[in-house]
PDB file of N, CA and C in Angstrom:
ATOM      1  N   UNK A   1    -118.700 110.410 -20.068  1.00  0.00           N
ATOM      2  CA  UNK A   1    -117.598 110.623 -19.173  1.00  0.00           C
ATOM      3  C   UNK A   1    -117.864 111.758 -18.173  1.00  0.00           C
ATOM      4  N   UNK A   2    -118.501 112.871 -18.565  1.00  0.00           N
ATOM      5  CA  UNK A   2    -118.746 113.940 -17.596  1.00  0.00           C
ATOM      6  C   UNK A   2    -119.614 113.500 -16.417  1.00  0.00           C
ATOM      7  N   UNK A   3    -120.578 112.603 -16.643  1.00  0.00           N
ATOM      8  CA  UNK A   3    -121.403 112.120 -15.540  1.00  0.00           C
ATOM      9  C   UNK A   3    -120.574 111.258 -14.586  1.00  0.00           C
ATOM     10  N   UNK A   4    -119.660 110.481 -15.126  1.00  0.00           N
ATOM     11  CA  UNK A   4    -118.762 109.693 -14.271  1.00  0.00           C
ATOM     12  C   UNK A   4    -117.884 110.615 -13.426  1.00  0.00           C
ATOM     13  N   UNK A   5    -117.440 111.706 -14.007  1.00  0.00           N
ATOM     14  CA  UNK A   5    -116.640 112.679 -13.257  1.00  0.00           C
ATOM     15  C   UNK A   5    -117.470 113.284 -12.134  1.00  0.00           C
ATOM     16  N   UNK A   6    -118.709 113.689 -12.443  1.00  0.00           N
ATOM     17  CA  UNK A   6    -119.592 114.231 -11.408  1.00  0.00           C
ATOM     18  C   UNK A   6    -119.758 113.218 -10.281  1.00  0.00           C
ATOM     19  N   UNK A   7    -120.007 111.962 -10.637  1.00  0.00           N
ATOM     20  CA  UNK A   7    -120.212 110.915  -9.644  1.00  0.00           C
ATOM     21  C   UNK A   7    -118.973 110.735  -8.770  1.00  0.00           C
ATOM     22  N   UNK A   8    -117.796 110.682  -9.373  1.00  0.00           N
ATOM     23  CA  UNK A   8    -116.553 110.492  -8.619  1.00  0.00           C
ATOM     24  C   UNK A   8    -116.298 111.640  -7.651  1.00  0.00           C
ATOM     25  N   UNK A   9    -116.479 112.850  -8.123  1.00  0.00           N
ATOM     26  CA  UNK A   9    -116.267 114.026  -7.274  1.00  0.00           C
ATOM     27  C   UNK A   9    -117.285 114.046  -6.143  1.00  0.00           C
ATOM     28  N   UNK A  10    -118.534 113.762  -6.466  1.00  0.00           N
ATOM     29  CA  UNK A  10    -119.603 113.781  -5.469  1.00  0.00           C
ATOM     30  C   UNK A  10    -119.411 112.685  -4.424  1.00  0.00           C
ATOM     31  N   UNK A  11    -119.018 111.515  -4.870  1.00  0.00           N
ATOM     32  CA  UNK A  11    -118.802 110.403  -3.942  1.00  0.00           C
ATOM     33  C   UNK A  11    -117.682 110.717  -2.947  1.00  0.00           C
ATOM     34  N   UNK A  12    -116.667 111.411  -3.385  1.00  0.00           N
ATOM     35  CA  UNK A  12    -115.530 111.735  -2.511  1.00  0.00           C
ATOM     36  C   UNK A  12    -115.786 112.946  -1.611  1.00  0.00           C
ATOM     37  N   UNK A  13    -116.823 113.702  -1.914  1.00  0.00           N
ATOM     38  CA  UNK A  13    -117.086 114.945  -1.184  1.00  0.00           C
ATOM     39  C   UNK A  13    -117.699 114.682   0.183  1.00  0.00           C
ATOM     40  N   UNK A  14    -117.489 115.625   1.075  1.00  0.00           N
ATOM     41  CA  UNK A  14    -118.159 115.593   2.393  1.00  0.00           C
ATOM     42  C   UNK A  14    -118.682 116.999   2.673  1.00  0.00           C
ATOM     43  N   UNK A  15    -119.597 117.421   1.807  1.00  0.00           N
ATOM     44  CA  UNK A  15    -120.155 118.764   1.902  1.00  0.00           C
ATOM     45  C   UNK A  15    -120.968 118.928   3.183  1.00  0.00           C
ATOM     46  N   UNK A  16    -120.872 120.110   3.774  1.00  0.00           N
ATOM     47  CA  UNK A  16    -121.649 120.421   4.971  1.00  0.00           C
ATOM     48  C   UNK A  16    -122.796 121.375   4.687  1.00  0.00           C
ATOM     49  N   UNK A  17    -122.775 121.985   3.490  1.00  0.00           N
ATOM     50  CA  UNK A  17    -123.833 122.927   3.117  1.00  0.00           C
ATOM     51  C   UNK A  17    -123.754 123.195   1.612  1.00  0.00           C
ATOM     52  N   UNK A  18    -124.755 123.894   1.112  1.00  0.00           N
ATOM     53  CA  UNK A  18    -124.830 124.145  -0.331  1.00  0.00           C
ATOM     54  C   UNK A  18    -123.698 125.036  -0.826  1.00  0.00           C
ATOM     55  N   UNK A  19    -123.191 125.928   0.012  1.00  0.00           N
ATOM     56  CA  UNK A  19    -122.073 126.779  -0.404  1.00  0.00           C
ATOM     57  C   UNK A  19    -120.842 125.939  -0.736  1.00  0.00           C
ATOM     58  N   UNK A  20    -120.626 124.875   0.004  1.00  0.00           N
ATOM     59  CA  UNK A  20    -119.495 123.993  -0.286  1.00  0.00           C
ATOM     60  C   UNK A  20    -119.693 123.229  -1.594  1.00  0.00           C
ATOM     61  N   UNK A  21    -120.941 122.912  -1.913  1.00  0.00           N
ATOM     62  CA  UNK A  21    -121.228 122.263  -3.199  1.00  0.00           C
ATOM     63  C   UNK A  21    -120.856 123.217  -4.335  1.00  0.00           C
ATOM     64  N   UNK A  22    -121.261 124.472  -4.204  1.00  0.00           N
ATOM     65  CA  UNK A  22    -120.966 125.471  -5.239  1.00  0.00           C
ATOM     66  C   UNK A  22    -119.467 125.750  -5.314  1.00  0.00           C
ATOM     67  N   UNK A  23    -118.761 125.625  -4.206  1.00  0.00           N
ATOM     68  CA  UNK A  23    -117.300 125.748  -4.250  1.00  0.00           C
ATOM     69  C   UNK A  23    -116.690 124.647  -5.111  1.00  0.00           C
ATOM     70  N   UNK A  24    -117.301 123.470  -5.087  1.00  0.00           N
ATOM     71  CA  UNK A  24    -116.817 122.339  -5.883  1.00  0.00           C
ATOM     72  C   UNK A  24    -117.294 122.426  -7.325  1.00  0.00           C
ATOM     73  N   UNK A  25    -118.575 122.721  -7.507  1.00  0.00           N
ATOM     74  CA  UNK A  25    -119.191 122.826  -8.832  1.00  0.00           C
ATOM     75  C   UNK A  25    -119.708 124.254  -8.977  1.00  0.00           C
ATOM     76  N   UNK A  26    -118.882 125.129  -9.508  1.00  0.00           N
ATOM     77  CA  UNK A  26    -119.225 126.557  -9.509  1.00  0.00           C
ATOM     78  C   UNK A  26    -120.386 126.933 -10.421  1.00  0.00           C
ATOM     79  N   UNK A  27    -120.856 126.030 -11.252  1.00  0.00           N
ATOM     80  CA  UNK A  27    -122.027 126.334 -12.082  1.00  0.00           C
ATOM     81  C   UNK A  27    -123.315 125.753 -11.504  1.00  0.00           C
ATOM     82  N   UNK A  28    -123.229 125.118 -10.338  1.00  0.00           N
ATOM     83  CA  UNK A  28    -124.411 124.536  -9.701  1.00  0.00           C
ATOM     84  C   UNK A  28    -125.334 125.646  -9.214  1.00  0.00           C
ATOM     85  N   UNK A  29    -126.629 125.353  -9.244  1.00  0.00           N
ATOM     86  CA  UNK A  29    -127.637 126.310  -8.779  1.00  0.00           C
ATOM     87  C   UNK A  29    -128.321 125.750  -7.537  1.00  0.00           C
ATOM     88  N   UNK A  30    -128.460 126.587  -6.528  1.00  0.00           N
ATOM     89  CA  UNK A  30    -129.077 126.180  -5.273  1.00  0.00           C
ATOM     90  C   UNK A  30    -130.579 126.418  -5.350  1.00  0.00           C
ATOM     91  N   UNK A  31    -131.345 125.409  -4.946  1.00  0.00           N
ATOM     92  CA  UNK A  31    -132.795 125.497  -4.862  1.00  0.00           C
ATOM     93  C   UNK A  31    -133.209 125.306  -3.408  1.00  0.00           C
ATOM     94  N   UNK A  32    -134.454 125.605  -3.080  1.00  0.00           N
ATOM     95  CA  UNK A  32    -134.934 125.355  -1.711  1.00  0.00           C
ATOM     96  C   UNK A  32    -134.879 123.870  -1.347  1.00  0.00           C
ATOM     97  N   UNK A  33    -134.950 123.590  -0.056  1.00  0.00           N
ATOM     98  CA  UNK A  33    -135.018 122.221   0.472  1.00  0.00           C
ATOM     99  C   UNK A  33    -133.794 121.386   0.113  1.00  0.00           C
ATOM    100  N   UNK A  34    -132.635 122.022   0.149  1.00  0.00           N
ATOM    101  CA  UNK A  34    -131.356 121.333  -0.076  1.00  0.00           C
ATOM    102  C   UNK A  34    -131.271 120.639  -1.434  1.00  0.00           C
ATOM    103  N   UNK A  35    -131.899 121.235  -2.412  1.00  0.00           N
ATOM    104  CA  UNK A  35    -131.777 120.729  -3.783  1.00  0.00           C
ATOM    105  C   UNK A  35    -130.752 121.554  -4.542  1.00  0.00           C
ATOM    106  N   UNK A  36    -130.054 120.882  -5.417  1.00  0.00           N
ATOM    107  CA  UNK A  36    -129.028 121.518  -6.241  1.00  0.00           C
ATOM    108  C   UNK A  36    -129.232 121.069  -7.680  1.00  0.00           C
ATOM    109  N   UNK A  37    -129.076 122.002  -8.615  1.00  0.00           N
ATOM    110  CA  UNK A  37    -129.099 121.667 -10.039  1.00  0.00           C
ATOM    111  C   UNK A  37    -127.656 121.744 -10.541  1.00  0.00           C
ATOM    112  N   UNK A  38    -127.184 120.645 -11.083  1.00  0.00           N
ATOM    113  CA  UNK A  38    -125.835 120.566 -11.620  1.00  0.00           C
ATOM    114  C   UNK A  38    -125.885 120.630 -13.138  1.00  0.00           C
ATOM    115  N   UNK A  39    -124.977 121.381 -13.716  1.00  0.00           N
ATOM    116  CA  UNK A  39    -124.814 121.437 -15.170  1.00  0.00           C
ATOM    117  C   UNK A  39    -123.762 120.399 -15.542  1.00  0.00           C
ATOM    118  N   UNK A  40    -124.139 119.481 -16.393  1.00  0.00           N
ATOM    119  CA  UNK A  40    -123.251 118.388 -16.785  1.00  0.00           C
ATOM    120  C   UNK A  40    -122.879 118.556 -18.257  1.00  0.00           C
ATOM    121  N   UNK A  41    -121.613 118.382 -18.548  1.00  0.00           N
ATOM    122  CA  UNK A  41    -121.094 118.423 -19.929  1.00  0.00           C
ATOM    123  C   UNK A  41    -121.411 119.757 -20.603  1.00  0.00           C
ATOM    124  N   UNK A  42    -120.930 120.816 -19.990  1.00  0.00           N
ATOM    125  CA  UNK A  42    -121.100 122.142 -20.574  1.00  0.00           C
ATOM    126  C   UNK A  42    -122.546 122.575 -20.675  1.00  0.00           C
ATOM    127  N   UNK A  43    -123.355 122.168 -19.711  1.00  0.00           N
ATOM    128  CA  UNK A  43    -124.774 122.528 -19.652  1.00  0.00           C
ATOM    129  C   UNK A  43    -125.622 121.802 -20.700  1.00  0.00           C
ATOM    130  N   UNK A  44    -125.078 120.752 -21.294  1.00  0.00           N
ATOM    131  CA  UNK A  44    -125.858 119.930 -22.221  1.00  0.00           C
ATOM    132  C   UNK A  44    -126.898 119.126 -21.452  1.00  0.00           C
ATOM    133  N   UNK A  45    -126.525 118.687 -20.258  1.00  0.00           N
ATOM    134  CA  UNK A  45    -127.404 117.901 -19.406  1.00  0.00           C
ATOM    135  C   UNK A  45    -127.566 118.604 -18.064  1.00  0.00           C
ATOM    136  N   UNK A  46    -128.669 118.309 -17.399  1.00  0.00           N
ATOM    137  CA  UNK A  46    -128.927 118.823 -16.059  1.00  0.00           C
ATOM    138  C   UNK A  46    -129.193 117.642 -15.138  1.00  0.00           C
ATOM    139  N   UNK A  47    -128.706 117.772 -13.922  1.00  0.00           N
ATOM    140  CA  UNK A  47    -128.930 116.766 -12.897  1.00  0.00           C
ATOM    141  C   UNK A  47    -129.463 117.497 -11.673  1.00  0.00           C
ATOM    142  N   UNK A  48    -130.604 117.061 -11.178  1.00  0.00           N
ATOM    143  CA  UNK A  48    -131.198 117.640  -9.972  1.00  0.00           C
ATOM    144  C   UNK A  48    -130.999 116.624  -8.848  1.00  0.00           C
ATOM    145  N   UNK A  49    -130.439 117.100  -7.748  1.00  0.00           N
ATOM    146  CA  UNK A  49    -130.195 116.221  -6.603  1.00  0.00           C
ATOM    147  C   UNK A  49    -130.683 116.880  -5.326  1.00  0.00           C
ATOM    148  N   UNK A  50    -131.058 116.039  -4.396  1.00  0.00           N
ATOM    149  CA  UNK A  50    -131.398 116.474  -3.048  1.00  0.00           C
ATOM    150  C   UNK A  50    -130.278 115.957  -2.149  1.00  0.00           C
ATOM    151  N   UNK A  51    -129.756 116.823  -1.292  1.00  0.00           N
ATOM    152  CA  UNK A  51    -128.618 116.446  -0.467  1.00  0.00           C
ATOM    153  C   UNK A  51    -128.990 116.490   1.007  1.00  0.00           C
ATOM    154  N   UNK A  52    -128.699 115.405   1.697  1.00  0.00           N
ATOM    155  CA  UNK A  52    -128.832 115.356   3.147  1.00  0.00           C
ATOM    156  C   UNK A  52    -127.419 115.528   3.696  1.00  0.00           C
ATOM    157  N   UNK A  53    -127.104 116.735   4.099  1.00  0.00           N
ATOM    158  CA  UNK A  53    -125.742 117.062   4.511  1.00  0.00           C
ATOM    159  C   UNK A  53    -125.328 116.326   5.777  1.00  0.00           C
ATOM    160  N   UNK A  54    -126.225 116.139   6.714  1.00  0.00           N
ATOM    161  CA  UNK A  54    -125.859 115.482   7.971  1.00  0.00           C
ATOM    162  C   UNK A  54    -125.519 114.002   7.769  1.00  0.00           C
ATOM    163  N   UNK A  55    -126.050 113.396   6.729  1.00  0.00           N
ATOM    164  CA  UNK A  55    -125.763 111.982   6.436  1.00  0.00           C
ATOM    165  C   UNK A  55    -124.839 111.793   5.243  1.00  0.00           C
ATOM    166  N   UNK A  56    -124.417 112.903   4.642  1.00  0.00           N
ATOM    167  CA  UNK A  56    -123.547 112.860   3.452  1.00  0.00           C
ATOM    168  C   UNK A  56    -124.157 111.971   2.370  1.00  0.00           C
ATOM    169  N   UNK A  57    -125.431 112.203   2.106  1.00  0.00           N
ATOM    170  CA  UNK A  57    -126.157 111.410   1.125  1.00  0.00           C
ATOM    171  C   UNK A  57    -126.713 112.305   0.028  1.00  0.00           C
ATOM    172  N   UNK A  58    -126.534 111.870  -1.207  1.00  0.00           N
ATOM    173  CA  UNK A  58    -127.037 112.611  -2.366  1.00  0.00           C
ATOM    174  C   UNK A  58    -128.071 111.743  -3.059  1.00  0.00           C
ATOM    175  N   UNK A  59    -129.273 112.284  -3.250  1.00  0.00           N
ATOM    176  CA  UNK A  59    -130.349 111.578  -3.934  1.00  0.00           C
ATOM    177  C   UNK A  59    -130.566 112.239  -5.293  1.00  0.00           C
ATOM    178  N   UNK A  60    -130.326 111.506  -6.353  1.00  0.00           N
ATOM    179  CA  UNK A  60    -130.544 112.039  -7.696  1.00  0.00           C
ATOM    180  C   UNK A  60    -132.036 111.998  -7.979  1.00  0.00           C
ATOM    181  N   UNK A  61    -132.590 113.151  -8.324  1.00  0.00           N
ATOM    182  CA  UNK A  61    -134.024 113.275  -8.598  1.00  0.00           C
ATOM    183  C   UNK A  61    -134.327 113.308 -10.095  1.00  0.00           C
ATOM    184  N   UNK A  62    -133.353 113.766 -10.883  1.00  0.00           N
ATOM    185  CA  UNK A  62    -133.584 113.915 -12.321  1.00  0.00           C
ATOM    186  C   UNK A  62    -132.241 114.003 -13.033  1.00  0.00           C
ATOM    187  N   UNK A  63    -132.146 113.345 -14.183  1.00  0.00           N
ATOM    188  CA  UNK A  63    -131.034 113.526 -15.118  1.00  0.00           C
ATOM    189  C   UNK A  63    -131.660 113.611 -16.498  1.00  0.00           C
ATOM    190  N   UNK A  64    -131.323 114.646 -17.236  1.00  0.00           N
ATOM    191  CA  UNK A  64    -131.866 114.777 -18.582  1.00  0.00           C
ATOM    192  C   UNK A  64    -131.186 115.896 -19.342  1.00  0.00           C
ATOM    193  N   UNK A  65    -131.613 116.055 -20.569  1.00  0.00           N
ATOM    194  CA  UNK A  65    -131.069 117.137 -21.384  1.00  0.00           C
ATOM    195  C   UNK A  65    -131.578 118.470 -20.847  1.00  0.00           C
ATOM    196  N   UNK A  66    -130.955 119.524 -21.311  1.00  0.00           N
ATOM    197  CA  UNK A  66    -131.391 120.860 -20.905  1.00  0.00           C
ATOM    198  C   UNK A  66    -132.850 121.075 -21.331  1.00  0.00           C
ATOM    199  N   UNK A  67    -133.204 120.619 -22.509  1.00  0.00           N
ATOM    200  CA  UNK A  67    -134.584 120.763 -23.000  1.00  0.00           C
ATOM    201  C   UNK A  67    -135.566 119.988 -22.122  1.00  0.00           C
ATOM    202  N   UNK A  68    -135.196 118.788 -21.695  1.00  0.00           N
ATOM    203  CA  UNK A  68    -136.059 118.003 -20.810  1.00  0.00           C
ATOM    204  C   UNK A  68    -136.182 118.686 -19.448  1.00  0.00           C
ATOM    205  N   UNK A  69    -135.088 119.241 -18.969  1.00  0.00           N
ATOM    206  CA  UNK A  69    -135.097 119.959 -17.694  1.00  0.00           C
ATOM    207  C   UNK A  69    -136.070 121.134 -17.737  1.00  0.00           C
ATOM    208  N   UNK A  70    -136.136 121.809 -18.873  1.00  0.00           N
ATOM    209  CA  UNK A  70    -137.029 122.959 -19.007  1.00  0.00           C
ATOM    210  C   UNK A  70    -138.504 122.572 -18.861  1.00  0.00           C
ATOM    211  N   UNK A  71    -138.828 121.286 -18.987  1.00  0.00           N
ATOM    212  CA  UNK A  71    -140.219 120.836 -18.894  1.00  0.00           C
ATOM    213  C   UNK A  71    -140.598 120.307 -17.512  1.00  0.00           C
ATOM    214  N   UNK A  72    -139.669 120.332 -16.567  1.00  0.00           N
ATOM    215  CA  UNK A  72    -139.965 119.830 -15.223  1.00  0.00           C
ATOM    216  C   UNK A  72    -139.938 120.973 -14.212  1.00  0.00           C
ATOM    217  N   UNK A  73    -140.427 120.678 -13.024  1.00  0.00           N
ATOM    218  CA  UNK A  73    -140.276 121.595 -11.907  1.00  0.00           C
ATOM    219  C   UNK A  73    -139.225 120.994 -10.980  1.00  0.00           C
ATOM    220  N   UNK A  74    -138.026 121.533 -11.020  1.00  0.00           N
ATOM    221  CA  UNK A  74    -136.901 120.961 -10.270  1.00  0.00           C
ATOM    222  C   UNK A  74    -137.119 121.005  -8.764  1.00  0.00           C
ATOM    223  N   UNK A  75    -138.012 121.876  -8.314  1.00  0.00           N
ATOM    224  CA  UNK A  75    -138.284 121.997  -6.876  1.00  0.00           C
ATOM    225  C   UNK A  75    -139.160 120.866  -6.350  1.00  0.00           C
ATOM    226  N   UNK A  76    -139.921 120.228  -7.232  1.00  0.00           N
ATOM    227  CA  UNK A  76    -140.866 119.218  -6.769  1.00  0.00           C
ATOM    228  C   UNK A  76    -140.672 117.837  -7.394  1.00  0.00           C
ATOM    229  N   UNK A  77    -139.863 117.719  -8.416  1.00  0.00           N
ATOM    230  CA  UNK A  77    -139.712 116.426  -9.094  1.00  0.00           C
ATOM    231  C   UNK A  77    -139.202 115.375  -8.110  1.00  0.00           C
ATOM    232  N   UNK A  78    -139.768 114.182  -8.220  1.00  0.00           N
ATOM    233  CA  UNK A  78    -139.398 113.085  -7.343  1.00  0.00           C
ATOM    234  C   UNK A  78    -139.457 111.795  -8.139  1.00  0.00           C
ATOM    235  N   UNK A  79    -138.621 110.862  -7.795  1.00  0.00           N
ATOM    236  CA  UNK A  79    -138.630 109.567  -8.464  1.00  0.00           C
ATOM    237  C   UNK A  79    -139.631 108.622  -7.842  1.00  0.00           C
ATOM    238  N   UNK A  80    -140.292 109.049  -6.783  1.00  0.00           N
ATOM    239  CA  UNK A  80    -141.244 108.181  -6.090  1.00  0.00           C
ATOM    240  C   UNK A  80    -142.655 108.633  -6.327  1.00  0.00           C
TER     241      UNK A  80
END
């Protein structure tokens, strides 16, 4: 359910910058290159996304447990 909540909030958002994302999700962490790390379900899961603010598009790069997140480089991970 927490991931569905994240999706619903994100889909309805029209963020113009990372500060607005943090205003919505106050536990989110800002990374370089318009990447954001979201804490899902009380920090049990992590979601890394890249946001194109001018197109209002969010690209999910990673979803996993906190332990799985600790084994990746959130700045460079890509699904391609």
